[in-house]
Amino acid sequence: SVTGLGHHPRFVIHDSPRSSDIEEPLFHQLFRVVRSWEG
């Protein structure tokens, strides 16, 4: 959507309940990927 394809609202909330937290290495990589998009 950010690049002009589709109609996604460009807003995502991933709510991770305490019992279902993502494993730290995967969680950290996810943050890094999304952060890289800002560049």
Full PDB file with SEQRES, HELIX, SHEET, SSBOND, CRYST1, ORIGX, SCALE, CONECT and MASTER records, all heavy atoms in Angstrom:
SEQRES   1 A   39  SER VAL THR GLY LEU GLY HIS HIS PRO ARG PHE VAL ILE          
SEQRES   2 A   39  HIS ASP SER PRO ARG SER SER ASP ILE GLU GLU PRO LEU          
SEQRES   3 A   39  PHE HIS GLN LEU PHE ARG VAL VAL ARG SER TRP GLU GLY          
HELIX    1 AA1 ARG A   18  SER A   20  5                                   3    
HELIX    2 AA2 GLU A   24  GLU A   38  1                                  15    
CRYST1    1.000    1.000    1.000  90.00  90.00  90.00 P 1           1          
ORIGX1      1.000000  0.000000  0.000000        0.00000                         
ORIGX2      0.000000  1.000000  0.000000        0.00000                         
ORIGX3      0.000000  0.000000  1.000000        0.00000                         
SCALE1      1.000000  0.000000  0.000000        0.00000                         
SCALE2      0.000000  1.000000  0.000000        0.00000                         
SCALE3      0.000000  0.000000  1.000000        0.00000                         
ATOM      1  N   SER A   1       0.824  -1.204   0.000  1.00  0.00           N  
ATOM      2  CA  SER A   1       0.000   0.000   0.000  1.00  0.00           C  
ATOM      3  C   SER A   1       0.862   1.260   0.000  1.00  0.00           C  
ATOM      4  O   SER A   1       0.572   2.222  -0.713  1.00  0.00           O  
ATOM      5  CB  SER A   1      -0.923  -0.001   1.218  1.00  0.00           C  
ATOM      6  OG  SER A   1      -1.739   1.145   1.216  1.00  0.00           O  
ATOM      7  N   VAL A   2       1.940   1.243   0.778  1.00  0.00           N  
ATOM      8  CA  VAL A   2       2.832   2.405   0.824  1.00  0.00           C  
ATOM      9  C   VAL A   2       3.419   2.679  -0.561  1.00  0.00           C  
ATOM     10  O   VAL A   2       3.606   3.830  -0.947  1.00  0.00           O  
ATOM     11  CB  VAL A   2       3.956   2.193   1.868  1.00  0.00           C  
ATOM     12  CG1 VAL A   2       5.005   3.285   1.778  1.00  0.00           C  
ATOM     13  CG2 VAL A   2       3.367   2.148   3.276  1.00  0.00           C  
ATOM     14  N   THR A   3       3.676   1.620  -1.330  1.00  0.00           N  
ATOM     15  CA  THR A   3       4.257   1.795  -2.661  1.00  0.00           C  
ATOM     16  C   THR A   3       3.206   1.980  -3.754  1.00  0.00           C  
ATOM     17  O   THR A   3       3.538   2.045  -4.926  1.00  0.00           O  
ATOM     18  CB  THR A   3       5.181   0.606  -3.019  1.00  0.00           C  
ATOM     19  OG1 THR A   3       4.414  -0.596  -3.014  1.00  0.00           O  
ATOM     20  CG2 THR A   3       6.334   0.504  -2.058  1.00  0.00           C  
ATOM     21  N   GLY A   4       1.921   2.043  -3.378  1.00  0.00           N  
ATOM     22  CA  GLY A   4       0.867   2.354  -4.336  1.00  0.00           C  
ATOM     23  C   GLY A   4       0.020   1.186  -4.799  1.00  0.00           C  
ATOM     24  O   GLY A   4      -0.841   1.357  -5.658  1.00  0.00           O  
ATOM     25  N   LEU A   5       0.220   0.002  -4.241  1.00  0.00           N  
ATOM     26  CA  LEU A   5      -0.573  -1.165  -4.634  1.00  0.00           C  
ATOM     27  C   LEU A   5      -1.623  -1.458  -3.557  1.00  0.00           C  
ATOM     28  O   LEU A   5      -1.295  -1.561  -2.390  1.00  0.00           O  
ATOM     29  CB  LEU A   5       0.322  -2.391  -4.798  1.00  0.00           C  
ATOM     30  CG  LEU A   5       1.402  -2.289  -5.865  1.00  0.00           C  
ATOM     31  CD1 LEU A   5       2.344  -3.468  -5.762  1.00  0.00           C  
ATOM     32  CD2 LEU A   5       0.781  -2.216  -7.239  1.00  0.00           C  
ATOM     33  N   GLY A   6      -2.854  -1.600  -3.948  1.00  0.00           N  
ATOM     34  CA  GLY A   6      -3.899  -1.977  -3.001  1.00  0.00           C  
ATOM     35  C   GLY A   6      -4.409  -0.815  -2.171  1.00  0.00           C  
ATOM     36  O   GLY A   6      -4.071   0.341  -2.398  1.00  0.00           O  
ATOM     37  N   HIS A   7      -5.239  -1.174  -1.169  1.00  0.00           N  
ATOM     38  CA  HIS A   7      -5.918  -0.158  -0.369  1.00  0.00           C  
ATOM     39  C   HIS A   7      -5.763  -0.407   1.130  1.00  0.00           C  
ATOM     40  O   HIS A   7      -6.662  -0.090   1.906  1.00  0.00           O  
ATOM     41  CB  HIS A   7      -7.402  -0.123  -0.740  1.00  0.00           C  
ATOM     42  CG  HIS A   7      -7.637   0.154  -2.184  1.00  0.00           C  
ATOM     43  ND1 HIS A   7      -7.474   1.405  -2.728  1.00  0.00           N  
ATOM     44  CD2 HIS A   7      -7.971  -0.672  -3.207  1.00  0.00           C  
ATOM     45  CE1 HIS A   7      -7.727   1.348  -4.021  1.00  0.00           C  
ATOM     46  NE2 HIS A   7      -8.028   0.092  -4.336  1.00  0.00           N  
ATOM     47  N   HIS A   8      -4.668  -1.001   1.528  1.00  0.00           N  
ATOM     48  CA  HIS A   8      -4.425  -1.236   2.955  1.00  0.00           C  
ATOM     49  C   HIS A   8      -4.328   0.113   3.660  1.00  0.00           C  
ATOM     50  O   HIS A   8      -3.757   1.061   3.119  1.00  0.00           O  
ATOM     51  CB  HIS A   8      -3.118  -2.028   3.114  1.00  0.00           C  
ATOM     52  CG  HIS A   8      -2.886  -2.538   4.492  1.00  0.00           C  
ATOM     53  ND1 HIS A   8      -2.375  -1.743   5.493  1.00  0.00           N  
ATOM     54  CD2 HIS A   8      -3.097  -3.757   5.039  1.00  0.00           C  
ATOM     55  CE1 HIS A   8      -2.285  -2.461   6.599  1.00  0.00           C  
ATOM     56  NE2 HIS A   8      -2.710  -3.689   6.340  1.00  0.00           N  
ATOM     57  N   PRO A   9      -4.864   0.240   4.862  1.00  0.00           N  
ATOM     58  CA  PRO A   9      -4.851   1.544   5.546  1.00  0.00           C  
ATOM     59  C   PRO A   9      -3.471   2.000   6.038  1.00  0.00           C  
ATOM     60  O   PRO A   9      -3.339   3.076   6.589  1.00  0.00           O  
ATOM     61  CB  PRO A   9      -5.798   1.334   6.728  1.00  0.00           C  
ATOM     62  CG  PRO A   9      -5.784  -0.128   6.972  1.00  0.00           C  
ATOM     63  CD  PRO A   9      -5.590  -0.773   5.625  1.00  0.00           C  
ATOM     64  N   ARG A  10      -2.432   1.200   5.837  1.00  0.00           N  
ATOM     65  CA  ARG A  10      -1.064   1.544   6.260  1.00  0.00           C  
ATOM     66  C   ARG A  10      -0.938   1.690   7.768  1.00  0.00           C  
ATOM     67  O   ARG A  10      -0.152   2.464   8.277  1.00  0.00           O  
ATOM     68  CB  ARG A  10      -0.584   2.814   5.566  1.00  0.00           C  
ATOM     69  CG  ARG A  10      -0.591   2.729   4.074  1.00  0.00           C  
ATOM     70  CD  ARG A  10      -0.107   3.999   3.452  1.00  0.00           C  
ATOM     71  NE  ARG A  10      -0.321   3.953   2.023  1.00  0.00           N  
ATOM     72  CZ  ARG A  10      -0.114   4.971   1.233  1.00  0.00           C  
ATOM     73  NH1 ARG A  10       0.319   6.108   1.717  1.00  0.00           N  
ATOM     74  NH2 ARG A  10      -0.331   4.850  -0.053  1.00  0.00           N  
ATOM     75  N   PHE A  11      -1.739   0.944   8.469  1.00  0.00           N  
ATOM     76  CA  PHE A  11      -1.727   0.957   9.932  1.00  0.00           C  
ATOM     77  C   PHE A  11      -1.924  -0.476  10.398  1.00  0.00           C  
ATOM     78  O   PHE A  11      -2.917  -1.107  10.047  1.00  0.00           O  
ATOM     79  CB  PHE A  11      -2.867   1.845  10.444  1.00  0.00           C  
ATOM     80  CG  PHE A  11      -2.990   1.902  11.928  1.00  0.00           C  
ATOM     81  CD1 PHE A  11      -2.155   2.713  12.681  1.00  0.00           C  
ATOM     82  CD2 PHE A  11      -3.946   1.142  12.592  1.00  0.00           C  
ATOM     83  CE1 PHE A  11      -2.278   2.765  14.061  1.00  0.00           C  
ATOM     84  CE2 PHE A  11      -4.076   1.193  13.962  1.00  0.00           C  
ATOM     85  CZ  PHE A  11      -3.233   2.016  14.700  1.00  0.00           C  
ATOM     86  N   VAL A  12      -0.965  -1.013  11.145  1.00  0.00           N  
ATOM     87  CA  VAL A  12      -1.045  -2.389  11.622  1.00  0.00           C  
ATOM     88  C   VAL A  12      -0.753  -2.420  13.111  1.00  0.00           C  
ATOM     89  O   VAL A  12       0.207  -1.798  13.574  1.00  0.00           O  
ATOM     90  CB  VAL A  12      -0.035  -3.306  10.890  1.00  0.00           C  
ATOM     91  CG1 VAL A  12      -0.041  -4.704  11.460  1.00  0.00           C  
ATOM     92  CG2 VAL A  12      -0.341  -3.357   9.403  1.00  0.00           C  
ATOM     93  N   ILE A  13      -1.590  -3.128  13.855  1.00  0.00           N  
ATOM     94  CA  ILE A  13      -1.326  -3.388  15.271  1.00  0.00           C  
ATOM     95  C   ILE A  13      -1.205  -4.895  15.430  1.00  0.00           C  
ATOM     96  O   ILE A  13      -2.128  -5.633  15.082  1.00  0.00           O  
ATOM     97  CB  ILE A  13      -2.453  -2.886  16.192  1.00  0.00           C  
ATOM     98  CG1 ILE A  13      -2.590  -1.371  16.114  1.00  0.00           C  
ATOM     99  CG2 ILE A  13      -2.172  -3.321  17.634  1.00  0.00           C  
ATOM    100  CD1 ILE A  13      -3.734  -0.817  16.951  1.00  0.00           C  
ATOM    101  N   HIS A  14      -0.063  -5.344  15.914  1.00  0.00           N  
ATOM    102  CA  HIS A  14       0.099  -6.748  16.288  1.00  0.00           C  
ATOM    103  C   HIS A  14       0.117  -6.796  17.803  1.00  0.00           C  
ATOM    104  O   HIS A  14       1.078  -6.369  18.434  1.00  0.00           O  
ATOM    105  CB  HIS A  14       1.404  -7.326  15.717  1.00  0.00           C  
ATOM    106  CG  HIS A  14       1.303  -7.649  14.274  1.00  0.00           C  
ATOM    107  ND1 HIS A  14       2.370  -7.563  13.416  1.00  0.00           N  
ATOM    108  CD2 HIS A  14       0.255  -8.065  13.519  1.00  0.00           C  
ATOM    109  CE1 HIS A  14       1.981  -7.910  12.202  1.00  0.00           C  
ATOM    110  NE2 HIS A  14       0.703  -8.214  12.248  1.00  0.00           N  
ATOM    111  N   ASP A  15      -0.973  -7.268  18.357  1.00  0.00           N  
ATOM    112  CA  ASP A  15      -1.094  -7.383  19.805  1.00  0.00           C  
ATOM    113  C   ASP A  15      -0.645  -8.768  20.213  1.00  0.00           C  
ATOM    114  O   ASP A  15      -1.216  -9.765  19.805  1.00  0.00           O  
ATOM    115  CB  ASP A  15      -2.533  -7.122  20.228  1.00  0.00           C  
ATOM    116  CG  ASP A  15      -2.700  -7.072  21.735  1.00  0.00           C  
ATOM    117  OD1 ASP A  15      -1.692  -6.870  22.441  1.00  0.00           O  
ATOM    118  OD2 ASP A  15      -3.832  -7.232  22.196  1.00  0.00           O  
ATOM    119  N   SER A  16       0.385  -8.825  21.008  1.00  0.00           N  
ATOM    120  CA  SER A  16       0.970 -10.101  21.398  1.00  0.00           C  
ATOM    121  C   SER A  16       0.721 -10.335  22.886  1.00  0.00           C  
ATOM    122  O   SER A  16       1.404  -9.759  23.724  1.00  0.00           O  
ATOM    123  CB  SER A  16       2.474 -10.068  21.118  1.00  0.00           C  
ATOM    124  OG  SER A  16       3.075 -11.269  21.489  1.00  0.00           O  
ATOM    125  N   PRO A  17      -0.269 -11.160  23.227  1.00  0.00           N  
ATOM    126  CA  PRO A  17      -0.505 -11.441  24.643  1.00  0.00           C  
ATOM    127  C   PRO A  17       0.735 -12.045  25.293  1.00  0.00           C  
ATOM    128  O   PRO A  17       1.516 -12.720  24.639  1.00  0.00           O  
ATOM    129  CB  PRO A  17      -1.647 -12.454  24.634  1.00  0.00           C  
ATOM    130  CG  PRO A  17      -2.167 -12.483  23.265  1.00  0.00           C  
ATOM    131  CD  PRO A  17      -1.131 -11.932  22.351  1.00  0.00           C  
ATOM    132  N   ARG A  18       0.896 -11.797  26.557  1.00  0.00           N  
ATOM    133  CA  ARG A  18       2.087 -12.247  27.276  1.00  0.00           C  
ATOM    134  C   ARG A  18       2.371 -13.734  27.046  1.00  0.00           C  
ATOM    135  O   ARG A  18       3.503 -14.137  26.842  1.00  0.00           O  
ATOM    136  CB  ARG A  18       1.923 -11.969  28.758  1.00  0.00           C  
ATOM    137  CG  ARG A  18       3.149 -12.334  29.545  1.00  0.00           C  
ATOM    138  CD  ARG A  18       2.956 -12.025  31.030  1.00  0.00           C  
ATOM    139  NE  ARG A  18       4.208 -12.255  31.690  1.00  0.00           N  
ATOM    140  CZ  ARG A  18       4.907 -11.352  32.332  1.00  0.00           C  
ATOM    141  NH1 ARG A  18       4.455 -10.129  32.420  1.00  0.00           N  
ATOM    142  NH2 ARG A  18       6.049 -11.629  32.888  1.00  0.00           N  
ATOM    143  N   SER A  19       1.339 -14.548  27.042  1.00  0.00           N  
ATOM    144  CA  SER A  19       1.539 -15.987  26.904  1.00  0.00           C  
ATOM    145  C   SER A  19       1.957 -16.379  25.485  1.00  0.00           C  
ATOM    146  O   SER A  19       2.393 -17.489  25.257  1.00  0.00           O  
ATOM    147  CB  SER A  19       0.256 -16.733  27.274  1.00  0.00           C  
ATOM    148  OG  SER A  19      -0.782 -16.361  26.396  1.00  0.00           O  
ATOM    149  N   SER A  20       1.824 -15.456  24.537  1.00  0.00           N  
ATOM    150  CA  SER A  20       2.139 -15.783  23.148  1.00  0.00           C  
ATOM    151  C   SER A  20       3.219 -14.891  22.563  1.00  0.00           C  
ATOM    152  O   SER A  20       3.269 -14.674  21.360  1.00  0.00           O  
ATOM    153  CB  SER A  20       0.873 -15.641  22.297  1.00  0.00           C  
ATOM    154  OG  SER A  20      -0.134 -16.470  22.767  1.00  0.00           O  
ATOM    155  N   ASP A  21       4.072 -14.342  23.404  1.00  0.00           N  
ATOM    156  CA  ASP A  21       5.122 -13.467  22.893  1.00  0.00           C  
ATOM    157  C   ASP A  21       5.976 -14.178  21.854  1.00  0.00           C  
ATOM    158  O   ASP A  21       6.227 -15.374  21.928  1.00  0.00           O  
ATOM    159  CB  ASP A  21       6.039 -12.984  24.026  1.00  0.00           C  
ATOM    160  CG  ASP A  21       5.608 -11.635  24.563  1.00  0.00           C  
ATOM    161  OD1 ASP A  21       4.686 -11.037  23.978  1.00  0.00           O  
ATOM    162  OD2 ASP A  21       6.187 -11.189  25.542  1.00  0.00           O  
ATOM    163  N   ILE A  22       6.399 -13.405  20.888  1.00  0.00           N  
ATOM    164  CA  ILE A  22       7.284 -13.905  19.846  1.00  0.00           C  
ATOM    165  C   ILE A  22       8.662 -14.143  20.462  1.00  0.00           C  
ATOM    166  O   ILE A  22       9.101 -13.398  21.326  1.00  0.00           O  
ATOM    167  CB  ILE A  22       7.396 -12.853  18.724  1.00  0.00           C  
ATOM    168  CG1 ILE A  22       6.027 -12.540  18.142  1.00  0.00           C  
ATOM    169  CG2 ILE A  22       8.360 -13.301  17.648  1.00  0.00           C  
ATOM    170  CD1 ILE A  22       6.014 -11.350  17.207  1.00  0.00           C  
ATOM    171  N   GLU A  23       9.357 -15.177  20.005  1.00  0.00           N  
ATOM    172  CA  GLU A  23      10.710 -15.413  20.500  1.00  0.00           C  
ATOM    173  C   GLU A  23      11.576 -14.214  20.173  1.00  0.00           C  
ATOM    174  O   GLU A  23      11.474 -13.621  19.096  1.00  0.00           O  
ATOM    175  CB  GLU A  23      11.284 -16.671  19.870  1.00  0.00           C  
ATOM    176  CG  GLU A  23      10.624 -17.933  20.393  1.00  0.00           C  
ATOM    177  CD  GLU A  23      11.328 -19.186  19.891  1.00  0.00           C  
ATOM    178  OE1 GLU A  23      12.512 -19.115  19.541  1.00  0.00           O  
ATOM    179  OE2 GLU A  23      10.658 -20.218  19.856  1.00  0.00           O  
ATOM    180  N   GLU A  24      12.460 -13.856  21.091  1.00  0.00           N  
ATOM    181  CA  GLU A  24      13.223 -12.619  20.982  1.00  0.00           C  
ATOM    182  C   GLU A  24      13.993 -12.456  19.670  1.00  0.00           C  
ATOM    183  O   GLU A  24      13.908 -11.391  19.055  1.00  0.00           O  
ATOM    184  CB  GLU A  24      14.162 -12.479  22.184  1.00  0.00           C  
ATOM    185  CG  GLU A  24      14.760 -11.104  22.279  1.00  0.00           C  
ATOM    186  CD  GLU A  24      15.465 -10.883  23.605  1.00  0.00           C  
ATOM    187  OE1 GLU A  24      14.815 -11.011  24.652  1.00  0.00           O  
ATOM    188  OE2 GLU A  24      16.659 -10.593  23.547  1.00  0.00           O  
ATOM    189  N   PRO A  25      14.748 -13.453  19.178  1.00  0.00           N  
ATOM    190  CA  PRO A  25      15.477 -13.228  17.921  1.00  0.00           C  
ATOM    191  C   PRO A  25      14.546 -12.910  16.744  1.00  0.00           C  
ATOM    192  O   PRO A  25      14.829 -12.019  15.943  1.00  0.00           O  
ATOM    193  CB  PRO A  25      16.225 -14.541  17.690  1.00  0.00           C  
ATOM    194  CG  PRO A  25      16.346 -15.158  19.041  1.00  0.00           C  
ATOM    195  CD  PRO A  25      15.093 -14.747  19.775  1.00  0.00           C  
ATOM    196  N   LEU A  26      13.408 -13.599  16.650  1.00  0.00           N  
ATOM    197  CA  LEU A  26      12.466 -13.337  15.575  1.00  0.00           C  
ATOM    198  C   LEU A  26      11.817 -11.962  15.752  1.00  0.00           C  
ATOM    199  O   LEU A  26      11.686 -11.190  14.800  1.00  0.00           O  
ATOM    200  CB  LEU A  26      11.394 -14.427  15.538  1.00  0.00           C  
ATOM    201  CG  LEU A  26      10.309 -14.280  14.480  1.00  0.00           C  
ATOM    202  CD1 LEU A  26      10.913 -14.250  13.080  1.00  0.00           C  
ATOM    203  CD2 LEU A  26       9.301 -15.414  14.596  1.00  0.00           C  
ATOM    204  N   PHE A  27      11.435 -11.652  16.971  1.00  0.00           N  
ATOM    205  CA  PHE A  27      10.841 -10.363  17.299  1.00  0.00           C  
ATOM    206  C   PHE A  27      11.787  -9.226  16.928  1.00  0.00           C  
ATOM    207  O   PHE A  27      11.414  -8.254  16.283  1.00  0.00           O  
ATOM    208  CB  PHE A  27      10.506 -10.348  18.793  1.00  0.00           C  
ATOM    209  CG  PHE A  27      10.039  -9.029  19.316  1.00  0.00           C  
ATOM    210  CD1 PHE A  27       8.769  -8.562  19.044  1.00  0.00           C  
ATOM    211  CD2 PHE A  27      10.870  -8.260  20.113  1.00  0.00           C  
ATOM    212  CE1 PHE A  27       8.336  -7.353  19.556  1.00  0.00           C  
ATOM    213  CE2 PHE A  27      10.448  -7.057  20.626  1.00  0.00           C  
ATOM    214  CZ  PHE A  27       9.171  -6.603  20.344  1.00  0.00           C  
ATOM    215  N   HIS A  28      13.054  -9.342  17.301  1.00  0.00           N  
ATOM    216  CA  HIS A  28      14.034  -8.294  17.011  1.00  0.00           C  
ATOM    217  C   HIS A  28      14.241  -8.139  15.506  1.00  0.00           C  
ATOM    218  O   HIS A  28      14.337  -7.018  15.002  1.00  0.00           O  
ATOM    219  CB  HIS A  28      15.347  -8.584  17.719  1.00  0.00           C  
ATOM    220  CG  HIS A  28      15.285  -8.287  19.185  1.00  0.00           C  
ATOM    221  ND1 HIS A  28      16.389  -8.347  20.000  1.00  0.00           N  
ATOM    222  CD2 HIS A  28      14.264  -7.916  19.997  1.00  0.00           C  
ATOM    223  CE1 HIS A  28      16.047  -8.034  21.238  1.00  0.00           C  
ATOM    224  NE2 HIS A  28      14.757  -7.771  21.258  1.00  0.00           N  
ATOM    225  N   GLN A  29      14.295  -9.247  14.788  1.00  0.00           N  
ATOM    226  CA  GLN A  29      14.472  -9.161  13.336  1.00  0.00           C  
ATOM    227  C   GLN A  29      13.270  -8.510  12.675  1.00  0.00           C  
ATOM    228  O   GLN A  29      13.411  -7.737  11.732  1.00  0.00           O  
ATOM    229  CB  GLN A  29      14.734 -10.540  12.739  1.00  0.00           C  
ATOM    230  CG  GLN A  29      15.119 -10.502  11.281  1.00  0.00           C  
ATOM    231  CD  GLN A  29      16.368  -9.675  11.020  1.00  0.00           C  
ATOM    232  OE1 GLN A  29      17.249  -9.529  11.863  1.00  0.00           O  
ATOM    233  NE2 GLN A  29      16.445  -9.102   9.833  1.00  0.00           N  
ATOM    234  N   LEU A  30      12.085  -8.793  13.173  1.00  0.00           N  
ATOM    235  CA  LEU A  30      10.868  -8.182  12.648  1.00  0.00           C  
ATOM    236  C   LEU A  30      10.944  -6.659  12.791  1.00  0.00           C  
ATOM    237  O   LEU A  30      10.654  -5.915  11.856  1.00  0.00           O  
ATOM    238  CB  LEU A  30       9.654  -8.736  13.402  1.00  0.00           C  
ATOM    239  CG  LEU A  30       8.285  -8.270  12.990  1.00  0.00           C  
ATOM    240  CD1 LEU A  30       8.002  -8.644  11.541  1.00  0.00           C  
ATOM    241  CD2 LEU A  30       7.240  -8.885  13.910  1.00  0.00           C  
ATOM    242  N   PHE A  31      11.367  -6.184  13.948  1.00  0.00           N  
ATOM    243  CA  PHE A  31      11.530  -4.745  14.166  1.00  0.00           C  
ATOM    244  C   PHE A  31      12.550  -4.159  13.203  1.00  0.00           C  
ATOM    245  O   PHE A  31      12.351  -3.076  12.639  1.00  0.00           O  
ATOM    246  CB  PHE A  31      12.004  -4.474  15.599  1.00  0.00           C  
ATOM    247  CG  PHE A  31      10.926  -3.929  16.482  1.00  0.00           C  
ATOM    248  CD1 PHE A  31      10.244  -4.770  17.333  1.00  0.00           C  
ATOM    249  CD2 PHE A  31      10.613  -2.590  16.474  1.00  0.00           C  
ATOM    250  CE1 PHE A  31       9.261  -4.270  18.172  1.00  0.00           C  
ATOM    251  CE2 PHE A  31       9.636  -2.080  17.307  1.00  0.00           C  
ATOM    252  CZ  PHE A  31       8.952  -2.928  18.158  1.00  0.00           C  
ATOM    253  N   ARG A  32      13.654  -4.861  13.000  1.00  0.00           N  
ATOM    254  CA  ARG A  32      14.707  -4.354  12.115  1.00  0.00           C  
ATOM    255  C   ARG A  32      14.230  -4.255  10.668  1.00  0.00           C  
ATOM    256  O   ARG A  32      14.557  -3.297   9.960  1.00  0.00           O  
ATOM    257  CB  ARG A  32      15.948  -5.238  12.216  1.00  0.00           C  
ATOM    258  CG  ARG A  32      16.673  -5.094  13.529  1.00  0.00           C  
ATOM    259  CD  ARG A  32      17.927  -5.970  13.598  1.00  0.00           C  
ATOM    260  NE  ARG A  32      18.518  -5.898  14.918  1.00  0.00           N  
ATOM    261  CZ  ARG A  32      18.487  -6.880  15.811  1.00  0.00           C  
ATOM    262  NH1 ARG A  32      17.913  -8.043  15.536  1.00  0.00           N  
ATOM    263  NH2 ARG A  32      19.042  -6.720  16.996  1.00  0.00           N  
ATOM    264  N   VAL A  33      13.460  -5.235  10.212  1.00  0.00           N  
ATOM    265  CA  VAL A  33      12.939  -5.208   8.843  1.00  0.00           C  
ATOM    266  C   VAL A  33      12.016  -4.004   8.656  1.00  0.00           C  
ATOM    267  O   VAL A  33      12.168  -3.224   7.705  1.00  0.00           O  
ATOM    268  CB  VAL A  33      12.204  -6.524   8.499  1.00  0.00           C  
ATOM    269  CG1 VAL A  33      11.373  -6.381   7.232  1.00  0.00           C  
ATOM    270  CG2 VAL A  33      13.202  -7.661   8.369  1.00  0.00           C  
ATOM    271  N   VAL A  34      11.064  -3.838   9.561  1.00  0.00           N  
ATOM    272  CA  VAL A  34      10.127  -2.720   9.435  1.00  0.00           C  
ATOM    273  C   VAL A  34      10.866  -1.392   9.550  1.00  0.00           C  
ATOM    274  O   VAL A  34      10.594  -0.453   8.799  1.00  0.00           O  
ATOM    275  CB  VAL A  34       8.981  -2.841  10.459  1.00  0.00           C  
ATOM    276  CG1 VAL A  34       8.097  -1.612  10.431  1.00  0.00           C  
ATOM    277  CG2 VAL A  34       8.158  -4.092  10.179  1.00  0.00           C  
ATOM    278  N   ARG A  35      11.837  -1.306  10.420  1.00  0.00           N  
ATOM    279  CA  ARG A  35      12.643  -0.085  10.552  1.00  0.00           C  
ATOM    280  C   ARG A  35      13.386   0.208   9.252  1.00  0.00           C  
ATOM    281  O   ARG A  35      13.484   1.363   8.826  1.00  0.00           O  
ATOM    282  CB  ARG A  35      13.623  -0.232  11.719  1.00  0.00           C  
ATOM    283  CG  ARG A  35      14.647   0.865  11.830  1.00  0.00           C  
ATOM    284  CD  ARG A  35      14.005   2.187  12.195  1.00  0.00           C  
ATOM    285  NE  ARG A  35      15.052   3.140  12.512  1.00  0.00           N  
ATOM    286  CZ  ARG A  35      15.033   4.394  12.125  1.00  0.00           C  
ATOM    287  NH1 ARG A  35      14.025   4.857  11.422  1.00  0.00           N  
ATOM    288  NH2 ARG A  35      16.009   5.214  12.446  1.00  0.00           N  
ATOM    289  N   SER A  36      13.894  -0.821   8.590  1.00  0.00           N  
ATOM    290  CA  SER A  36      14.637  -0.611   7.342  1.00  0.00           C  
ATOM    291  C   SER A  36      13.743  -0.008   6.257  1.00  0.00           C  
ATOM    292  O   SER A  36      14.223   0.702   5.378  1.00  0.00           O  
ATOM    293  CB  SER A  36      15.273  -1.911   6.865  1.00  0.00           C  
ATOM    294  OG  SER A  36      14.293  -2.786   6.347  1.00  0.00           O  
ATOM    295  N   TRP A  37      12.434  -0.289   6.305  1.00  0.00           N  
ATOM    296  CA  TRP A  37      11.522   0.276   5.319  1.00  0.00           C  
ATOM    297  C   TRP A  37      11.482   1.786   5.379  1.00  0.00           C  
ATOM    298  O   TRP A  37      11.279   2.449   4.368  1.00  0.00           O  
ATOM    299  CB  TRP A  37      10.122  -0.280   5.490  1.00  0.00           C  
ATOM    300  CG  TRP A  37      10.008  -1.727   5.141  1.00  0.00           C  
ATOM    301  CD1 TRP A  37      10.920  -2.494   4.464  1.00  0.00           C  
ATOM    302  CD2 TRP A  37       8.926  -2.582   5.445  1.00  0.00           C  
ATOM    303  NE1 TRP A  37      10.459  -3.777   4.343  1.00  0.00           N  
ATOM    304  CE2 TRP A  37       9.239  -3.867   4.936  1.00  0.00           C  
ATOM    305  CE3 TRP A  37       7.728  -2.412   6.106  1.00  0.00           C  
ATOM    306  CZ2 TRP A  37       8.381  -4.944   5.059  1.00  0.00           C  
ATOM    307  CZ3 TRP A  37       6.872  -3.487   6.227  1.00  0.00           C  
ATOM    308  CH2 TRP A  37       7.205  -4.742   5.707  1.00  0.00           C  
ATOM    309  N   GLU A  38      11.639   2.354   6.572  1.00  0.00           N  
ATOM    310  CA  GLU A  38      11.619   3.807   6.679  1.00  0.00           C  
ATOM    311  C   GLU A  38      12.723   4.433   5.837  1.00  0.00           C  
ATOM    312  O   GLU A  38      12.568   5.527   5.319  1.00  0.00           O  
ATOM    313  CB  GLU A  38      11.761   4.243   8.139  1.00  0.00           C  
ATOM    314  CG  GLU A  38      10.548   3.940   8.969  1.00  0.00           C  
ATOM    315  CD  GLU A  38      10.674   4.447  10.386  1.00  0.00           C  
ATOM    316  OE1 GLU A  38      11.812   4.678  10.847  1.00  0.00           O  
ATOM    317  OE2 GLU A  38       9.631   4.625  11.026  1.00  0.00           O  
ATOM    318  N   GLY A  39      13.846   3.739   5.693  1.00  0.00           N  
ATOM    319  CA  GLY A  39      14.952   4.245   4.905  1.00  0.00           C  
ATOM    320  C   GLY A  39      14.660   4.292   3.412  1.00  0.00           C  
ATOM    321  O   GLY A  39      15.419   4.886   2.645  1.00  0.00           O  
TER     322      GLY A  39                                                      
MASTER        0    0    0    2    0    0    0    6  321    1    0    3          
END                                                                             
